[in-house]
Amino acid sequence: MKQNTQVAELLVSYSPHIVSAQKISNSRETYSLITNYWNLDTIEMLEEVKVILLNKANKVLGIFDLSKGGICSSIIDVKIVLSIALKTLASGIIIVHNHPSGNLTPSKADIDITQKLKSACKIIEILLLDHLIITKEDYFSFADDGLL
């Protein structure tokens, strides 16, 4: 009996168009952009993670819904983040996740995964430009706070 050994491919592909002509140059612009792609009705219910993919000019190539979790956690898988960035030919990425509690203080897990992702990105020459924690009203930026 012959066994099928196909590997499932991520459904992400390079698209040569820019999703947003806006150049992302700071955390306020990132927050303003990402809230347009977030369901604000569920932002206080469950934690989600999105990846903003940017070209060399910091224009948005796409926004990828990485994961949805529970009330207090969601998964950021470094391998998946990097595979998406490579497949879309992104030069930079920004990770964004929400805290349903409304507390913008990063957890130890948030800090650890950010450092792990930063190291991995450096190896393949993709810039981790920021990691935002968001709520309906405000945000915390790892880059602005010197944690990146």
C-alpha atoms as a PDB file:
ATOM      1  CA  MET A   1       0.000   0.000   0.000  1.00  0.00           C
ATOM      2  CA  LYS A   2       1.456   3.329  -1.070  1.00  0.00           C
ATOM      3  CA  GLN A   3       1.362   6.072   1.581  1.00  0.00           C
ATOM      4  CA  ASN A   4       0.686   9.709   0.632  1.00  0.00           C
ATOM      5  CA  THR A   5       3.443  11.916   2.090  1.00  0.00           C
ATOM      6  CA  GLN A   6       2.305  15.344   0.917  1.00  0.00           C
ATOM      7  CA  VAL A   7       2.924  18.285   3.204  1.00  0.00           C
ATOM      8  CA  ALA A   8       0.175  20.863   3.634  1.00  0.00           C
ATOM      9  CA  GLU A   9       1.189  24.249   2.274  1.00  0.00           C
ATOM     10  CA  LEU A  10       0.330  27.480   4.074  1.00  0.00           C
ATOM     11  CA  LEU A  11      -2.253  29.398   2.115  1.00  0.00           C
ATOM     12  CA  VAL A  12      -0.168  32.533   1.777  1.00  0.00           C
ATOM     13  CA  SER A  13       1.286  33.705  -1.472  1.00  0.00           C
ATOM     14  CA  TYR A  14       3.122  36.690  -2.759  1.00  0.00           C
ATOM     15  CA  SER A  15       0.885  39.328  -4.228  1.00  0.00           C
ATOM     16  CA  PRO A  16       2.686  42.182  -6.000  1.00  0.00           C
ATOM     17  CA  HIS A  17       0.233  44.855  -4.866  1.00  0.00           C
ATOM     18  CA  ILE A  18       0.399  47.050  -1.798  1.00  0.00           C
ATOM     19  CA  VAL A  19      -2.536  46.642   0.608  1.00  0.00           C
ATOM     20  CA  SER A  20      -2.052  50.115   2.042  1.00  0.00           C
ATOM     21  CA  ALA A  21      -0.229  52.968   0.340  1.00  0.00           C
ATOM     22  CA  GLN A  22       0.366  54.392   3.799  1.00  0.00           C
ATOM     23  CA  LYS A  23       3.966  54.119   4.926  1.00  0.00           C
ATOM     24  CA  ILE A  24       4.165  52.822   8.489  1.00  0.00           C
ATOM     25  CA  SER A  25       6.725  54.948  10.275  1.00  0.00           C
ATOM     26  CA  ASN A  26       5.669  54.785  13.932  1.00  0.00           C
ATOM     27  CA  SER A  27       3.574  52.896  16.446  1.00  0.00           C
ATOM     28  CA  ARG A  28       0.643  55.349  16.314  1.00  0.00           C
ATOM     29  CA  GLU A  29       0.272  54.713  12.558  1.00  0.00           C
ATOM     30  CA  THR A  30       0.471  50.957  13.187  1.00  0.00           C
ATOM     31  CA  TYR A  31      -2.259  51.137  15.834  1.00  0.00           C
ATOM     32  CA  SER A  32      -4.468  53.268  13.588  1.00  0.00           C
ATOM     33  CA  LEU A  33      -4.049  50.824  10.703  1.00  0.00           C
ATOM     34  CA  ILE A  34      -4.522  47.581  12.638  1.00  0.00           C
ATOM     35  CA  THR A  35      -7.702  48.651  14.415  1.00  0.00           C
ATOM     36  CA  ASN A  36      -9.324  48.835  10.967  1.00  0.00           C
ATOM     37  CA  TYR A  37      -8.570  45.109  10.555  1.00  0.00           C
ATOM     38  CA  TRP A  38      -9.630  44.045  14.069  1.00  0.00           C
ATOM     39  CA  ASN A  39     -13.093  43.054  15.223  1.00  0.00           C
ATOM     40  CA  LEU A  40     -13.499  45.573  18.040  1.00  0.00           C
ATOM     41  CA  ASP A  41     -16.612  43.703  19.238  1.00  0.00           C
ATOM     42  CA  THR A  42     -14.443  40.747  20.316  1.00  0.00           C
ATOM     43  CA  ILE A  43     -11.229  42.551  21.306  1.00  0.00           C
ATOM     44  CA  GLU A  44     -12.185  42.286  24.996  1.00  0.00           C
ATOM     45  CA  MET A  45     -13.286  38.627  24.692  1.00  0.00           C
ATOM     46  CA  LEU A  46     -10.400  36.645  23.215  1.00  0.00           C
ATOM     47  CA  GLU A  47      -6.769  37.167  22.440  1.00  0.00           C
ATOM     48  CA  GLU A  48      -5.686  37.301  18.807  1.00  0.00           C
ATOM     49  CA  VAL A  49      -2.369  37.756  17.009  1.00  0.00           C
ATOM     50  CA  LYS A  50      -1.876  39.396  13.628  1.00  0.00           C
ATOM     51  CA  VAL A  51       1.274  39.926  11.566  1.00  0.00           C
ATOM     52  CA  ILE A  52       1.684  43.059   9.466  1.00  0.00           C
ATOM     53  CA  LEU A  53       3.939  42.333   6.477  1.00  0.00           C
ATOM     54  CA  LEU A  54       5.874  45.273   5.066  1.00  0.00           C
ATOM     55  CA  ASN A  55       7.992  45.907   2.001  1.00  0.00           C
ATOM     56  CA  LYS A  56      11.346  47.715   2.038  1.00  0.00           C
ATOM     57  CA  ALA A  57       9.562  51.111   2.023  1.00  0.00           C
ATOM     58  CA  ASN A  58       7.428  50.060   5.056  1.00  0.00           C
ATOM     59  CA  LYS A  59       4.260  49.876   2.971  1.00  0.00           C
ATOM     60  CA  VAL A  60       1.829  47.134   3.938  1.00  0.00           C
ATOM     61  CA  LEU A  61       1.943  44.004   1.779  1.00  0.00           C
ATOM     62  CA  GLY A  62      -0.654  42.253   3.887  1.00  0.00           C
ATOM     63  CA  ILE A  63      -2.032  41.479   7.313  1.00  0.00           C
ATOM     64  CA  PHE A  64      -2.047  37.843   8.346  1.00  0.00           C
ATOM     65  CA  ASP A  65      -4.353  36.480  11.070  1.00  0.00           C
ATOM     66  CA  LEU A  66      -1.833  34.297  12.896  1.00  0.00           C
ATOM     67  CA  SER A  67      -3.884  32.909  15.770  1.00  0.00           C
ATOM     68  CA  LYS A  68      -6.924  33.211  17.992  1.00  0.00           C
ATOM     69  CA  GLY A  69      -6.716  32.025  21.551  1.00  0.00           C
ATOM     70  CA  GLY A  70      -8.640  32.229  24.753  1.00  0.00           C
ATOM     71  CA  ILE A  71      -9.185  34.949  27.308  1.00  0.00           C
ATOM     72  CA  CYS A  72      -5.565  35.186  28.393  1.00  0.00           C
ATOM     73  CA  SER A  73      -3.323  33.680  25.718  1.00  0.00           C
ATOM     74  CA  SER A  74      -2.704  33.053  22.059  1.00  0.00           C
ATOM     75  CA  ILE A  75       0.121  31.333  20.183  1.00  0.00           C
ATOM     76  CA  ILE A  76       2.925  33.055  18.285  1.00  0.00           C
ATOM     77  CA  ASP A  77       4.736  30.274  16.430  1.00  0.00           C
ATOM     78  CA  VAL A  78       8.075  31.653  15.200  1.00  0.00           C
ATOM     79  CA  LYS A  79       8.328  29.125  12.363  1.00  0.00           C
ATOM     80  CA  ILE A  80       4.932  30.093  10.981  1.00  0.00           C
ATOM     81  CA  VAL A  81       5.639  33.840  11.289  1.00  0.00           C
ATOM     82  CA  LEU A  82       8.919  33.464   9.416  1.00  0.00           C
ATOM     83  CA  SER A  83       7.438  31.197   6.748  1.00  0.00           C
ATOM     84  CA  ILE A  84       4.711  33.759   6.030  1.00  0.00           C
ATOM     85  CA  ALA A  85       7.227  36.618   5.904  1.00  0.00           C
ATOM     86  CA  LEU A  86       9.487  34.682   3.539  1.00  0.00           C
ATOM     87  CA  LYS A  87       6.665  33.561   1.278  1.00  0.00           C
ATOM     88  CA  THR A  88       5.384  37.132   0.876  1.00  0.00           C
ATOM     89  CA  LEU A  89       8.912  38.531   0.415  1.00  0.00           C
ATOM     90  CA  ALA A  90       8.405  40.875   3.359  1.00  0.00           C
ATOM     91  CA  SER A  91      11.368  43.001   4.415  1.00  0.00           C
ATOM     92  CA  GLY A  92       9.865  43.808   7.790  1.00  0.00           C
ATOM     93  CA  ILE A  93       7.120  42.617  10.106  1.00  0.00           C
ATOM     94  CA  ILE A  94       5.133  43.983  13.015  1.00  0.00           C
ATOM     95  CA  ILE A  95       3.451  41.619  15.471  1.00  0.00           C
ATOM     96  CA  VAL A  96       0.214  42.818  17.060  1.00  0.00           C
ATOM     97  CA  HIS A  97      -1.852  41.132  19.730  1.00  0.00           C
ATOM     98  CA  ASN A  98      -4.560  42.261  22.098  1.00  0.00           C
ATOM     99  CA  HIS A  99      -4.979  41.848  25.848  1.00  0.00           C
ATOM    100  CA  PRO A 100      -8.690  41.263  26.558  1.00  0.00           C
ATOM    101  CA  SER A 101      -8.076  42.324  30.172  1.00  0.00           C
ATOM    102  CA  GLY A 102      -7.280  45.848  29.013  1.00  0.00           C
ATOM    103  CA  ASN A 103      -3.885  45.706  30.753  1.00  0.00           C
ATOM    104  CA  LEU A 104      -1.224  46.903  28.317  1.00  0.00           C
ATOM    105  CA  THR A 105       1.749  45.701  30.378  1.00  0.00           C
ATOM    106  CA  PRO A 106       3.631  42.963  28.497  1.00  0.00           C
ATOM    107  CA  SER A 107       3.856  39.607  30.259  1.00  0.00           C
ATOM    108  CA  LYS A 108       7.112  37.683  30.627  1.00  0.00           C
ATOM    109  CA  ALA A 109       5.840  35.384  27.849  1.00  0.00           C
ATOM    110  CA  ASP A 110       5.249  38.455  25.602  1.00  0.00           C
ATOM    111  CA  ILE A 111       8.802  39.693  26.227  1.00  0.00           C
ATOM    112  CA  ASP A 112      10.342  36.237  25.731  1.00  0.00           C
ATOM    113  CA  ILE A 113       8.587  35.515  22.414  1.00  0.00           C
ATOM    114  CA  THR A 114       9.473  38.984  21.122  1.00  0.00           C
ATOM    115  CA  GLN A 115      13.173  38.401  21.807  1.00  0.00           C
ATOM    116  CA  LYS A 116      13.015  34.917  20.276  1.00  0.00           C
ATOM    117  CA  LEU A 117      11.309  36.267  17.166  1.00  0.00           C
ATOM    118  CA  LYS A 118      13.760  39.171  16.910  1.00  0.00           C
ATOM    119  CA  SER A 119      16.718  36.749  16.960  1.00  0.00           C
ATOM    120  CA  ALA A 120      15.132  34.482  14.357  1.00  0.00           C
ATOM    121  CA  CYS A 121      14.295  37.426  12.077  1.00  0.00           C
ATOM    122  CA  LYS A 122      17.857  38.705  12.276  1.00  0.00           C
ATOM    123  CA  ILE A 123      19.194  35.422  10.877  1.00  0.00           C
ATOM    124  CA  ILE A 124      17.076  35.673   7.724  1.00  0.00           C
ATOM    125  CA  GLU A 125      17.437  39.460   7.392  1.00  0.00           C
ATOM    126  CA  ILE A 126      13.836  40.396   8.071  1.00  0.00           C
ATOM    127  CA  LEU A 127      13.324  43.293  10.463  1.00  0.00           C
ATOM    128  CA  LEU A 128      11.030  42.870  13.440  1.00  0.00           C
ATOM    129  CA  LEU A 129      10.021  46.520  13.529  1.00  0.00           C
ATOM    130  CA  ASP A 130       7.648  46.398  16.497  1.00  0.00           C
ATOM    131  CA  HIS A 131       5.352  44.320  18.647  1.00  0.00           C
ATOM    132  CA  LEU A 132       2.161  46.062  19.735  1.00  0.00           C
ATOM    133  CA  ILE A 133      -0.209  45.059  22.500  1.00  0.00           C
ATOM    134  CA  ILE A 134      -3.558  46.711  21.854  1.00  0.00           C
ATOM    135  CA  THR A 135      -6.903  47.411  23.464  1.00  0.00           C
ATOM    136  CA  LYS A 136      -9.904  49.346  22.136  1.00  0.00           C
ATOM    137  CA  GLU A 137      -8.548  52.604  23.524  1.00  0.00           C
ATOM    138  CA  ASP A 138      -4.747  52.382  23.513  1.00  0.00           C
ATOM    139  CA  TYR A 139      -1.611  50.380  22.772  1.00  0.00           C
ATOM    140  CA  PHE A 140       1.834  49.472  24.076  1.00  0.00           C
ATOM    141  CA  SER A 141       4.797  49.451  21.695  1.00  0.00           C
ATOM    142  CA  PHE A 142       7.862  47.300  22.396  1.00  0.00           C
ATOM    143  CA  ALA A 143       9.922  49.531  20.077  1.00  0.00           C
ATOM    144  CA  ASP A 144       8.819  52.776  21.767  1.00  0.00           C
ATOM    145  CA  ASP A 145       9.567  51.313  25.197  1.00  0.00           C
ATOM    146  CA  GLY A 146      13.067  50.121  24.220  1.00  0.00           C
ATOM    147  CA  LEU A 147      12.215  46.416  24.474  1.00  0.00           C
ATOM    148  CA  LEU A 148      13.103  45.641  20.887  1.00  0.00           C
END
